[in-house]
Protein backbone atom coordinates (compact mmCIF):
# COMPACT_ATOMS: atom_id res chain seq x y z
CA UNK A 1 7.84 -3.98 -12.94
CA UNK A 2 11.42 -4.24 -12.57
CA UNK A 3 12.74 -6.10 -15.12
CA UNK A 4 14.50 -9.47 -14.31
CA UNK A 5 17.29 -8.21 -16.20
CA UNK A 6 18.38 -5.76 -13.55
CA UNK A 7 21.85 -4.52 -12.47
CA UNK A 8 22.67 -3.16 -8.72
CA UNK A 9 25.40 -0.90 -7.96
CA UNK A 10 26.33 0.63 -4.41
CA UNK A 11 27.80 3.71 -4.95
CA UNK A 12 28.70 7.19 -3.45
CA UNK A 13 26.84 7.89 -0.24
CA UNK A 14 26.04 4.21 0.22
CA UNK A 15 23.20 4.51 -2.44
CA UNK A 16 22.00 1.49 -4.36
CA UNK A 17 21.44 1.50 -7.95
CA UNK A 18 19.39 -0.35 -10.20
CA UNK A 19 19.73 -0.47 -13.99
CA UNK A 20 16.62 -1.95 -15.90
CA UNK A 21 16.30 -2.71 -19.53
CA UNK A 22 12.88 -0.82 -19.46
CA UNK A 23 12.81 2.77 -19.31
CA UNK A 24 9.76 2.86 -16.87
CA UNK A 25 8.07 0.88 -14.30
CA UNK A 26 4.77 0.00 -15.64
CA UNK A 27 1.72 -2.22 -15.09
CA UNK A 28 0.20 -1.68 -18.86
CA UNK A 29 1.71 -5.27 -19.86
CA UNK A 30 -0.51 -7.03 -17.41
CA UNK A 31 -3.83 -5.80 -17.98
CA UNK A 32 -6.69 -8.27 -18.29
CA UNK A 33 -8.92 -8.31 -21.09
CA UNK A 34 -12.71 -7.58 -20.40
CA UNK A 35 -13.90 -11.04 -21.64
CA UNK A 36 -11.28 -12.64 -19.58
CA UNK A 37 -12.50 -10.93 -16.40
CA UNK A 38 -16.20 -12.06 -17.01
CA UNK A 39 -15.16 -15.58 -17.56
CA UNK A 40 -17.51 -17.76 -15.19
CA UNK A 41 -15.65 -19.96 -13.08
CA UNK A 42 -16.66 -23.14 -11.09
CA UNK A 43 -14.89 -25.63 -8.85
CA UNK A 44 -14.24 -29.26 -10.28
CA UNK A 45 -16.59 -31.41 -7.89
CA UNK A 46 -14.04 -34.09 -8.15
CA UNK A 47 -11.01 -32.07 -6.80
CA UNK A 48 -10.25 -33.95 -3.45
CA UNK A 49 -7.43 -31.33 -2.56
CA UNK A 50 -10.55 -28.88 -1.82
CA UNK A 51 -13.15 -28.89 1.18
CA UNK A 52 -16.55 -28.12 -0.09
CA UNK A 53 -19.19 -26.54 2.08
CA UNK A 54 -22.98 -26.14 1.79
CA UNK A 55 -23.05 -22.68 3.29
CA UNK A 56 -23.50 -19.10 1.67
CA UNK A 57 -20.64 -17.33 0.24
CA UNK A 58 -19.18 -15.22 3.47
CA UNK A 59 -17.72 -12.67 1.10
CA UNK A 60 -20.93 -11.62 -0.76
CA UNK A 61 -23.63 -13.17 1.23
CA UNK A 62 -24.98 -15.08 -1.73
CA UNK A 63 -26.80 -18.36 -0.91
CA UNK A 64 -27.73 -19.69 -4.13
CA UNK A 65 -27.81 -23.61 -3.44
CA UNK A 66 -26.72 -24.45 -7.03
CA UNK A 67 -23.15 -22.85 -6.45
CA UNK A 68 -20.60 -25.11 -5.20
CA UNK A 69 -18.49 -23.38 -2.74
CA UNK A 70 -15.21 -24.32 -0.88
CA UNK A 71 -13.74 -23.53 2.57
CA UNK A 72 -10.53 -21.27 3.00
CA UNK A 73 -8.15 -21.89 5.56
CA UNK A 74 -9.67 -19.31 7.74
CA UNK A 75 -12.78 -21.73 7.80
CA UNK A 76 -14.94 -19.30 5.66
CA UNK A 77 -16.93 -20.29 2.54
CA UNK A 78 -16.08 -18.85 -0.78
CA UNK A 79 -16.56 -19.30 -4.48
CA UNK A 80 -13.87 -18.78 -7.24
CA UNK A 81 -15.79 -15.81 -8.79
CA UNK A 82 -16.28 -13.80 -5.89
CA UNK A 83 -12.67 -14.62 -4.32
CA UNK A 84 -11.32 -13.43 -7.76
CA UNK A 85 -13.20 -10.25 -7.58
CA UNK A 86 -12.52 -9.60 -3.86
CA UNK A 87 -8.54 -9.96 -4.36
CA UNK A 88 -8.70 -7.90 -7.65
CA UNK A 89 -10.48 -5.21 -5.48
CA UNK A 90 -7.57 -5.37 -2.97
CA UNK A 91 -4.86 -5.00 -6.01
CA UNK A 92 -6.95 -2.20 -7.33
CA UNK A 93 -6.66 -0.52 -3.97
CA UNK A 94 -2.78 -1.00 -3.86
CA UNK A 95 -2.75 -3.68 -1.81
CA UNK A 96 -0.75 -6.87 -2.48
CA UNK A 97 -1.80 -9.10 0.68
CA UNK A 98 -4.98 -10.78 0.56
CA UNK A 99 -7.18 -10.45 3.64
CA UNK A 100 -10.57 -12.31 4.47
CA UNK A 101 -13.16 -9.75 4.52
CA UNK A 102 -15.89 -12.18 6.21
CA UNK A 103 -17.43 -11.37 9.73
CA UNK A 104 -16.54 -13.31 12.62
CA UNK A 105 -19.42 -15.56 13.59
CA UNK A 106 -21.66 -13.82 15.86
CA UNK A 107 -19.63 -10.64 15.79
CA UNK A 108 -19.23 -7.51 13.56
CA UNK A 109 -15.58 -7.96 13.57
CA UNK A 110 -13.85 -8.92 10.37
CA UNK A 111 -11.91 -12.20 10.23
CA UNK A 112 -8.87 -10.28 8.66
CA UNK A 113 -6.73 -13.49 8.10
CA UNK A 114 -4.35 -13.11 5.56
CA UNK A 115 -4.51 -15.84 2.78
CA UNK A 116 -1.25 -16.99 1.17
CA UNK A 117 -1.17 -16.11 -2.66
CA UNK A 118 -0.81 -19.86 -3.36
CA UNK A 119 -4.40 -20.50 -1.60
CA UNK A 120 -5.76 -17.62 -3.51
CA UNK A 121 -4.45 -18.90 -6.89
CA UNK A 122 -5.75 -22.26 -6.25
CA UNK A 123 -9.31 -21.42 -4.79
CA UNK A 124 -9.92 -18.53 -7.18
CA UNK A 125 -9.24 -20.84 -9.94
CA UNK A 126 -7.21 -18.15 -11.54
CA UNK A 127 -6.58 -18.70 -15.34
CA UNK A 128 -2.92 -18.12 -16.64
CA UNK A 129 -4.12 -14.68 -17.58
CA UNK A 130 -5.09 -13.84 -14.07
CA UNK A 131 -2.27 -15.25 -12.70
CA UNK A 132 -0.08 -13.25 -14.63
CA UNK A 133 -1.86 -9.97 -13.91
CA UNK A 134 -1.73 -11.03 -9.90
CA UNK A 135 1.69 -11.84 -9.76
CA UNK A 136 3.00 -8.81 -11.64
CA UNK A 137 0.90 -6.48 -9.92
CA UNK A 138 1.73 -7.83 -6.46
CA UNK A 139 5.51 -7.46 -7.66
CA UNK A 140 5.08 -3.86 -8.50
CA UNK A 141 3.13 -2.94 -5.26
CA UNK A 142 5.66 -4.78 -2.97
CA UNK A 143 8.46 -3.12 -4.56
CA UNK A 144 6.94 0.21 -3.97
CA UNK A 145 6.50 -0.79 -0.55
CA UNK A 146 9.94 -1.94 0.50
CA UNK A 147 12.01 0.01 -2.10
CA UNK A 148 11.87 4.07 -2.55
CA UNK A 149 13.17 4.28 -6.11
CA UNK A 150 13.00 7.16 -8.88
CA UNK A 151 14.63 7.51 -12.25
CA UNK A 152 17.93 9.68 -12.25
CA UNK A 153 17.19 12.86 -14.61
CA UNK A 154 20.68 12.61 -16.06
CA UNK A 155 20.70 8.80 -17.13
CA UNK A 156 17.25 7.34 -16.51
CA UNK A 157 18.99 4.91 -14.11
CA UNK A 158 16.48 3.68 -11.36
CA UNK A 159 18.05 4.65 -7.79
CA UNK A 160 16.97 3.46 -4.54
CA UNK A 161 17.42 5.62 -1.90
CA UNK A 162 18.90 4.24 1.37
CA UNK A 163 19.01 7.51 3.74
CA UNK A 164 15.25 8.51 3.60
CA UNK A 165 15.89 11.68 5.23
CA UNK A 166 18.14 13.01 2.45
CA UNK A 167 17.14 14.57 -0.51
CA UNK A 168 20.68 15.14 -2.09
CA UNK A 169 21.45 12.03 -4.09
CA UNK A 170 24.33 11.25 -5.97
CA UNK A 171 24.25 8.91 -9.30
CA UNK A 172 27.47 7.23 -9.79
CA UNK A 173 26.38 6.41 -13.36
CA UNK A 174 26.33 10.23 -14.55
CA UNK A 175 29.53 10.71 -12.33
CA UNK A 176 31.30 8.28 -14.00
CA UNK A 177 30.01 9.46 -17.67
CA UNK A 178 30.52 13.29 -16.85
CA UNK A 179 33.61 12.84 -15.22
CA UNK A 180 32.34 15.28 -12.26
CA UNK A 181 29.99 14.43 -9.25
CA UNK A 182 26.54 14.38 -10.53
CA UNK A 183 23.76 15.02 -7.82
CA UNK A 184 20.11 15.36 -8.05
CA UNK A 185 17.22 16.23 -6.06
CA UNK A 186 14.84 13.36 -5.01
CA UNK A 187 11.94 15.83 -4.50
CA UNK A 188 11.97 18.00 -7.76
CA UNK A 189 14.21 15.54 -9.75
CA UNK A 190 16.43 18.23 -11.08
CA UNK A 191 20.17 18.84 -10.72
CA UNK A 192 20.96 19.78 -7.06
CA UNK A 193 21.46 23.37 -5.97
CA UNK A 194 22.50 24.54 -2.77
CA UNK A 195 24.12 23.03 0.01
CA UNK A 196 23.38 19.18 1.23
CA UNK A 197 22.38 17.16 2.68
CA UNK A 198 18.98 18.64 3.21
CA UNK A 199 15.51 17.01 4.26
CA UNK A 200 13.19 19.64 2.98
CA UNK A 201 13.89 21.11 -0.34
CA UNK A 202 16.80 21.93 -2.43
CA UNK A 203 17.22 25.57 -3.81
CA UNK A 204 15.66 24.95 -7.41
CA UNK A 205 12.87 27.09 -7.83
CA UNK A 206 9.41 25.08 -7.12
CA UNK A 207 10.91 22.22 -5.22
CA UNK A 208 8.19 21.54 -2.65
CA UNK A 209 6.80 18.37 -1.05
CA UNK A 210 3.43 18.04 -2.61
CA UNK A 211 2.29 15.57 0.20
CA UNK A 212 3.68 17.90 2.97
CA UNK A 213 1.61 20.64 1.24
CA UNK A 214 -1.66 18.47 1.07
CA UNK A 215 -1.32 17.72 4.81
CA UNK A 216 -0.68 21.57 5.92
CA UNK A 217 -3.21 22.84 3.49
CA UNK A 218 -6.15 20.39 3.97
CA UNK A 219 -9.53 21.56 5.21
CA UNK A 220 -11.21 20.62 8.43
CA UNK A 221 -13.91 18.09 8.98
CA UNK A 222 -16.19 16.64 11.62
CA UNK A 223 -16.65 12.95 12.18
CA UNK A 224 -20.43 12.51 12.11
CA UNK A 225 -20.85 9.29 13.92
CA UNK A 226 -18.27 10.73 16.86
CA UNK A 227 -18.25 13.84 19.11
CA UNK A 228 -15.13 14.92 16.89
CA UNK A 229 -15.17 18.12 15.09
CA UNK A 230 -12.87 20.50 13.15
CA UNK A 231 -10.35 17.61 12.49
CA UNK A 232 -7.68 17.69 9.68
CA UNK A 233 -9.42 15.80 6.97
CA UNK A 234 -5.98 14.02 5.61
CA UNK A 235 -3.49 12.32 7.96
CA UNK A 236 0.03 10.96 7.35
CA UNK A 237 -0.05 7.45 8.69
CA UNK A 238 1.98 7.91 11.91
CA UNK A 239 3.65 4.46 11.14
CA UNK A 240 4.60 4.55 7.34
CA UNK A 241 3.62 8.18 6.20
CA UNK A 242 0.91 7.28 3.61
CA UNK A 243 -1.44 9.80 3.32
CA UNK A 244 -5.02 8.87 4.08
CA UNK A 245 -8.58 10.30 4.52
CA UNK A 246 -11.30 9.14 7.00
CA UNK A 247 -14.58 7.91 5.26
CA UNK A 248 -16.68 10.07 7.83
CA UNK A 249 -18.29 6.85 8.76
CA UNK A 250 -18.07 4.85 12.01
CA UNK A 251 -15.48 5.36 14.77
CA UNK A 252 -12.55 7.55 14.55
CA UNK A 253 -9.94 5.01 14.11
CA UNK A 254 -8.82 4.08 10.53
CA UNK A 255 -6.50 1.08 9.57
CA UNK A 256 -3.58 2.14 7.24
CA UNK A 257 -4.16 0.41 3.44
CA UNK A 258 -0.22 0.02 3.12
CA UNK A 259 1.43 -0.94 6.65
CA UNK A 260 -1.97 -2.17 8.02
CA UNK A 261 -1.47 -0.48 11.41
CA UNK A 262 -4.73 1.04 13.09
CA UNK A 263 -4.42 4.29 14.53
CA UNK A 264 -6.68 7.20 15.80
CA UNK A 265 -7.52 9.83 13.23
CA UNK A 266 -7.62 12.30 15.84
CA UNK A 267 -4.61 12.12 18.29
CA UNK A 268 -2.78 9.86 15.96
CA UNK A 269 -1.84 7.28 18.35
CA UNK A 270 -2.21 3.45 17.50
CA UNK A 271 -5.69 2.54 18.36
CA UNK A 272 -4.28 0.04 21.42
CA UNK A 273 -2.82 3.06 23.14
CA UNK A 274 -5.45 5.61 22.37
CA UNK A 275 -8.26 3.10 23.78
CA UNK A 276 -5.76 1.98 26.61
CA UNK A 277 -5.46 5.65 27.93
CA UNK A 278 -9.24 6.12 27.85
CA UNK A 279 -11.38 3.05 27.38
CA UNK A 280 -14.29 2.79 25.19
CA UNK A 281 -13.45 6.24 23.69
CA UNK A 282 -14.11 4.57 19.90
CA UNK A 283 -16.60 7.56 19.29
CA UNK A 284 -15.64 10.19 22.10
CA UNK A 285 -12.46 12.20 22.93
CA UNK A 286 -9.01 11.00 23.32
CA UNK A 287 -7.18 11.04 26.19
CA UNK A 288 -4.65 13.47 24.42
CA UNK A 289 -5.53 16.47 22.53
CA UNK A 290 -6.27 16.48 18.68
CA UNK A 291 -3.28 16.34 16.79
CA UNK A 292 -2.92 19.48 14.54
CA UNK A 293 -2.32 19.54 10.90
CA UNK A 294 0.87 17.47 10.35
CA UNK A 295 4.10 19.40 9.49
CA UNK A 296 6.04 16.36 8.59
CA UNK A 297 5.83 13.08 7.06
CA UNK A 298 6.92 9.76 9.21
CA UNK A 299 9.39 7.46 7.78
CA UNK A 300 8.84 3.96 7.65
CA UNK A 301 11.38 2.16 9.25
CA UNK A 302 10.70 -1.45 8.02
CA UNK A 303 12.23 -4.69 9.72
CA UNK A 304 14.96 -5.90 7.54
CA UNK A 305 15.45 -2.46 5.96
CA UNK A 306 19.16 -1.68 4.89
């Protein structure tokens, strides 16, 4: 994770620079031991701050009457072990927000309510080691989502790119040390060659956007539970640009694991728009034609971004 001893410089081209004490961003320091992960946890029956319920576990469906369960803020029942396992699985998938997976009563719709970390920590009865792992992992994942940073090939300083459409990045640290402007390519991480700014590539041999190549060269698939055939198998989320695959199970819509926006895998419109233009078309054809393989990756314009 980003060290607490970091320094920020705002330099040429309005870039923001981060100097870290560590040479790289890593999660190695917060791995949990196997013994710690397997520890059985139970609620204190005398804890008056929790609401205990006599219901099945609504994450796993387990109904062992000997297990004490508590109610989350969304009114669904959990025990500390299943809650810990579920939230750990979300972190392992790169998600740093915790959402309830239980089904709403009498429906097939997931609850989806977000649980604050403080609530998860308390009701999952996280140990000190687990808290450290959760908090450090959340910090790294949140930083990766809200900041786009890479290590300068000249000095190793972490650089956050503010202009997400420009691959030509100036490092003020190297510029000051060398006495001349030092620019590098955000894509291939080599000293910049050619004119700038550029959004596609520099003139270094082999400078290519691997994710864009993946989109352009992905195979076509059918979505077996729908009428959709010959659809690109990989899509860039139209909101944040994260590359996603369809599970090939269920309807044609998917929810992005990063920005949490649901969209149609076929026409790439948000689900609400796709369904508004042709109602009840969850498994049928969209009003719009199928979007072809993508030739660009959307840039996520987040609220509050600089």
